[in-house]
């Protein structure tokens, strides 16, 4: 039961990371097809809100996961993904939309992998910390 509770945070994290990935890949298409909707998708406030939610969910998921499975690589990879996402959004995006999008896509993939590893660690670790 305890593992399922912790896995829920990773499912949320995976979903958010995939949402971020879809957002970044869809924005250029939507911008070309629907300028008014494209403004909403490319709005800085959307990026800020997504970043805050991703950071919060990641802290809970990777913190709970590490306390349970003690695999340091998992939260380190998660931190790399979060920092990459923040760097892409806050540093790369203002300088180059293409580089910001590429950075965000890579960081989102890293986060999906980290959450998948975290969930796997929760499944094979029978004890709670």
C-alpha atoms as a PDB file:
ATOM      1  CA  UNK A   1       0.000   0.000   0.000  1.00  0.00           C
ATOM      2  CA  UNK A   2       2.836   2.382   0.900  1.00  0.00           C
ATOM      3  CA  UNK A   3       4.503   1.914  -2.503  1.00  0.00           C
ATOM      4  CA  UNK A   4       1.269   2.761  -4.336  1.00  0.00           C
ATOM      5  CA  UNK A   5       0.969   6.028  -2.406  1.00  0.00           C
ATOM      6  CA  UNK A   6       4.510   7.032  -3.372  1.00  0.00           C
ATOM      7  CA  UNK A   7       4.060   5.845  -6.955  1.00  0.00           C
ATOM      8  CA  UNK A   8       1.140   8.235  -7.336  1.00  0.00           C
ATOM      9  CA  UNK A   9       3.518  11.187  -7.103  1.00  0.00           C
ATOM     10  CA  UNK A  10       5.697   9.671  -9.814  1.00  0.00           C
ATOM     11  CA  UNK A  11       2.663   9.149 -12.028  1.00  0.00           C
ATOM     12  CA  UNK A  12       1.808  12.825 -11.557  1.00  0.00           C
ATOM     13  CA  UNK A  13       5.428  13.744 -12.282  1.00  0.00           C
ATOM     14  CA  UNK A  14       5.492  11.606 -15.408  1.00  0.00           C
ATOM     15  CA  UNK A  15       2.245  13.111 -16.585  1.00  0.00           C
ATOM     16  CA  UNK A  16       3.456  16.657 -15.979  1.00  0.00           C
ATOM     17  CA  UNK A  17       6.758  15.965 -17.717  1.00  0.00           C
ATOM     18  CA  UNK A  18       4.918  14.524 -20.707  1.00  0.00           C
ATOM     19  CA  UNK A  19       2.528  17.485 -20.657  1.00  0.00           C
ATOM     20  CA  UNK A  20       5.521  19.813 -20.708  1.00  0.00           C
ATOM     21  CA  UNK A  21       7.000  17.856 -23.612  1.00  0.00           C
ATOM     22  CA  UNK A  22       3.737  18.024 -25.569  1.00  0.00           C
ATOM     23  CA  UNK A  23       3.388  21.735 -24.740  1.00  0.00           C
ATOM     24  CA  UNK A  24       6.845  22.488 -26.115  1.00  0.00           C
ATOM     25  CA  UNK A  25       6.399  20.420 -29.242  1.00  0.00           C
ATOM     26  CA  UNK A  26       2.854  21.647 -29.938  1.00  0.00           C
ATOM     27  CA  UNK A  27       3.478  25.350 -29.377  1.00  0.00           C
ATOM     28  CA  UNK A  28       5.181  26.028 -32.741  1.00  0.00           C
ATOM     29  CA  UNK A  29       2.417  24.151 -34.591  1.00  0.00           C
ATOM     30  CA  UNK A  30      -0.348  25.913 -32.699  1.00  0.00           C
ATOM     31  CA  UNK A  31       1.361  29.280 -33.150  1.00  0.00           C
ATOM     32  CA  UNK A  32       1.268  28.733 -36.891  1.00  0.00           C
ATOM     33  CA  UNK A  33      -2.337  27.549 -36.981  1.00  0.00           C
ATOM     34  CA  UNK A  34      -4.138  29.470 -34.242  1.00  0.00           C
ATOM     35  CA  UNK A  35      -2.429  32.717 -33.218  1.00  0.00           C
ATOM     36  CA  UNK A  36      -4.794  33.507 -30.339  1.00  0.00           C
ATOM     37  CA  UNK A  37      -4.455  30.048 -28.777  1.00  0.00           C
ATOM     38  CA  UNK A  38      -0.729  30.122 -29.491  1.00  0.00           C
ATOM     39  CA  UNK A  39      -0.446  33.219 -27.294  1.00  0.00           C
ATOM     40  CA  UNK A  40      -1.933  31.288 -24.377  1.00  0.00           C
ATOM     41  CA  UNK A  41       0.413  28.345 -24.855  1.00  0.00           C
ATOM     42  CA  UNK A  42       3.486  30.539 -25.223  1.00  0.00           C
ATOM     43  CA  UNK A  43       2.627  32.884 -22.370  1.00  0.00           C
ATOM     44  CA  UNK A  44       5.395  33.278 -19.736  1.00  0.00           C
ATOM     45  CA  UNK A  45       2.852  32.791 -16.958  1.00  0.00           C
ATOM     46  CA  UNK A  46       2.093  29.296 -18.320  1.00  0.00           C
ATOM     47  CA  UNK A  47       5.812  28.468 -18.182  1.00  0.00           C
ATOM     48  CA  UNK A  48       6.119  29.807 -14.652  1.00  0.00           C
ATOM     49  CA  UNK A  49       3.083  27.898 -13.360  1.00  0.00           C
ATOM     50  CA  UNK A  50       4.252  24.656 -15.011  1.00  0.00           C
ATOM     51  CA  UNK A  51       7.746  25.113 -13.554  1.00  0.00           C
ATOM     52  CA  UNK A  52       6.416  25.650 -10.024  1.00  0.00           C
ATOM     53  CA  UNK A  53       4.163  22.588 -10.258  1.00  0.00           C
ATOM     54  CA  UNK A  54       6.944  20.406 -11.729  1.00  0.00           C
ATOM     55  CA  UNK A  55       9.395  21.452  -9.003  1.00  0.00           C
ATOM     56  CA  UNK A  56       6.848  20.800  -6.246  1.00  0.00           C
ATOM     57  CA  UNK A  57       5.762  17.403  -7.550  1.00  0.00           C
ATOM     58  CA  UNK A  58       9.373  16.375  -8.167  1.00  0.00           C
ATOM     59  CA  UNK A  59      10.439  17.305  -4.632  1.00  0.00           C
ATOM     60  CA  UNK A  60       7.661  15.208  -3.117  1.00  0.00           C
ATOM     61  CA  UNK A  61       8.041  12.248  -5.498  1.00  0.00           C
ATOM     62  CA  UNK A  62      11.816  11.977  -5.413  1.00  0.00           C
ATOM     63  CA  UNK A  63      12.044  12.745  -1.691  1.00  0.00           C
ATOM     64  CA  UNK A  64       9.510  10.057  -0.802  1.00  0.00           C
ATOM     65  CA  UNK A  65      11.053   7.643  -3.275  1.00  0.00           C
ATOM     66  CA  UNK A  66      14.587   8.100  -1.962  1.00  0.00           C
ATOM     67  CA  UNK A  67      13.488   7.601   1.643  1.00  0.00           C
ATOM     68  CA  UNK A  68      11.998   4.306   0.550  1.00  0.00           C
ATOM     69  CA  UNK A  69      14.465   2.857  -1.975  1.00  0.00           C
ATOM     70  CA  UNK A  70      17.710   4.729  -1.117  1.00  0.00           C
ATOM     71  CA  UNK A  71      18.884   4.886  -4.740  1.00  0.00           C
ATOM     72  CA  UNK A  72      20.751   8.201  -4.916  1.00  0.00           C
ATOM     73  CA  UNK A  73      20.919   8.165  -8.715  1.00  0.00           C
ATOM     74  CA  UNK A  74      17.149   8.581  -8.985  1.00  0.00           C
ATOM     75  CA  UNK A  75      16.790  11.945  -7.185  1.00  0.00           C
ATOM     76  CA  UNK A  76      20.041  13.125  -8.785  1.00  0.00           C
ATOM     77  CA  UNK A  77      18.629  12.407 -12.230  1.00  0.00           C
ATOM     78  CA  UNK A  78      15.368  14.055 -11.179  1.00  0.00           C
ATOM     79  CA  UNK A  79      17.255  17.138  -9.981  1.00  0.00           C
ATOM     80  CA  UNK A  80      19.150  17.240 -13.279  1.00  0.00           C
ATOM     81  CA  UNK A  81      15.836  17.162 -15.158  1.00  0.00           C
ATOM     82  CA  UNK A  82      14.293  19.899 -13.000  1.00  0.00           C
ATOM     83  CA  UNK A  83      17.381  22.112 -13.257  1.00  0.00           C
ATOM     84  CA  UNK A  84      17.502  21.499 -17.004  1.00  0.00           C
ATOM     85  CA  UNK A  85      13.859  22.482 -17.305  1.00  0.00           C
ATOM     86  CA  UNK A  86      14.390  25.673 -15.312  1.00  0.00           C
ATOM     87  CA  UNK A  87      17.543  26.515 -17.289  1.00  0.00           C
ATOM     88  CA  UNK A  88      15.781  25.954 -20.606  1.00  0.00           C
ATOM     89  CA  UNK A  89      12.779  28.034 -19.552  1.00  0.00           C
ATOM     90  CA  UNK A  90      14.534  30.885 -17.776  1.00  0.00           C
ATOM     91  CA  UNK A  91      17.854  31.167 -19.648  1.00  0.00           C
ATOM     92  CA  UNK A  92      17.634  29.544 -23.069  1.00  0.00           C
ATOM     93  CA  UNK A  93      14.053  30.431 -24.030  1.00  0.00           C
ATOM     94  CA  UNK A  94      14.507  34.223 -23.747  1.00  0.00           C
ATOM     95  CA  UNK A  95      17.605  34.028 -25.964  1.00  0.00           C
ATOM     96  CA  UNK A  96      16.445  31.493 -28.527  1.00  0.00           C
ATOM     97  CA  UNK A  97      13.020  29.910 -28.841  1.00  0.00           C
ATOM     98  CA  UNK A  98      14.490  26.906 -30.648  1.00  0.00           C
ATOM     99  CA  UNK A  99      17.159  26.299 -27.997  1.00  0.00           C
ATOM    100  CA  UNK A 100      14.612  26.794 -25.223  1.00  0.00           C
ATOM    101  CA  UNK A 101      12.298  24.244 -26.807  1.00  0.00           C
ATOM    102  CA  UNK A 102      15.107  21.730 -27.368  1.00  0.00           C
ATOM    103  CA  UNK A 103      16.332  22.171 -23.799  1.00  0.00           C
ATOM    104  CA  UNK A 104      12.847  21.718 -22.413  1.00  0.00           C
ATOM    105  CA  UNK A 105      12.251  18.585 -24.486  1.00  0.00           C
ATOM    106  CA  UNK A 106      15.510  17.000 -23.281  1.00  0.00           C
ATOM    107  CA  UNK A 107      14.851  17.967 -19.642  1.00  0.00           C
ATOM    108  CA  UNK A 108      11.286  16.609 -19.842  1.00  0.00           C
ATOM    109  CA  UNK A 109      12.551  13.284 -21.153  1.00  0.00           C
ATOM    110  CA  UNK A 110      15.109  13.131 -18.311  1.00  0.00           C
ATOM    111  CA  UNK A 111      12.301  13.750 -15.807  1.00  0.00           C
ATOM    112  CA  UNK A 112      10.107  11.024 -17.310  1.00  0.00           C
ATOM    113  CA  UNK A 113      13.030   8.570 -17.062  1.00  0.00           C
ATOM    114  CA  UNK A 114      13.767   9.626 -13.455  1.00  0.00           C
ATOM    115  CA  UNK A 115      10.122   9.201 -12.407  1.00  0.00           C
ATOM    116  CA  UNK A 116      10.021   5.798 -14.128  1.00  0.00           C
ATOM    117  CA  UNK A 117      13.165   4.725 -12.245  1.00  0.00           C
ATOM    118  CA  UNK A 118      11.675   6.043  -9.010  1.00  0.00           C
ATOM    119  CA  UNK A 119       8.501   4.036  -9.511  1.00  0.00           C
ATOM    120  CA  UNK A 120      10.557   0.941 -10.303  1.00  0.00           C
ATOM    121  CA  UNK A 121      12.554   1.406  -7.104  1.00  0.00           C
ATOM    122  CA  UNK A 122       9.366   1.700  -5.096  1.00  0.00           C
ATOM    123  CA  UNK A 123       8.045  -1.571  -6.500  1.00  0.00           C
ATOM    124  CA  UNK A 124      11.101  -3.665  -5.625  1.00  0.00           C
ATOM    125  CA  UNK A 125      11.684  -2.173  -2.180  1.00  0.00           C
ATOM    126  CA  UNK A 126       9.415  -3.910   0.318  1.00  0.00           C
ATOM    127  CA  UNK A 127      10.362  -1.888   3.410  1.00  0.00           C
ATOM    128  CA  UNK A 128       9.333   1.631   4.366  1.00  0.00           C
ATOM    129  CA  UNK A 129      11.886   4.035   5.761  1.00  0.00           C
END
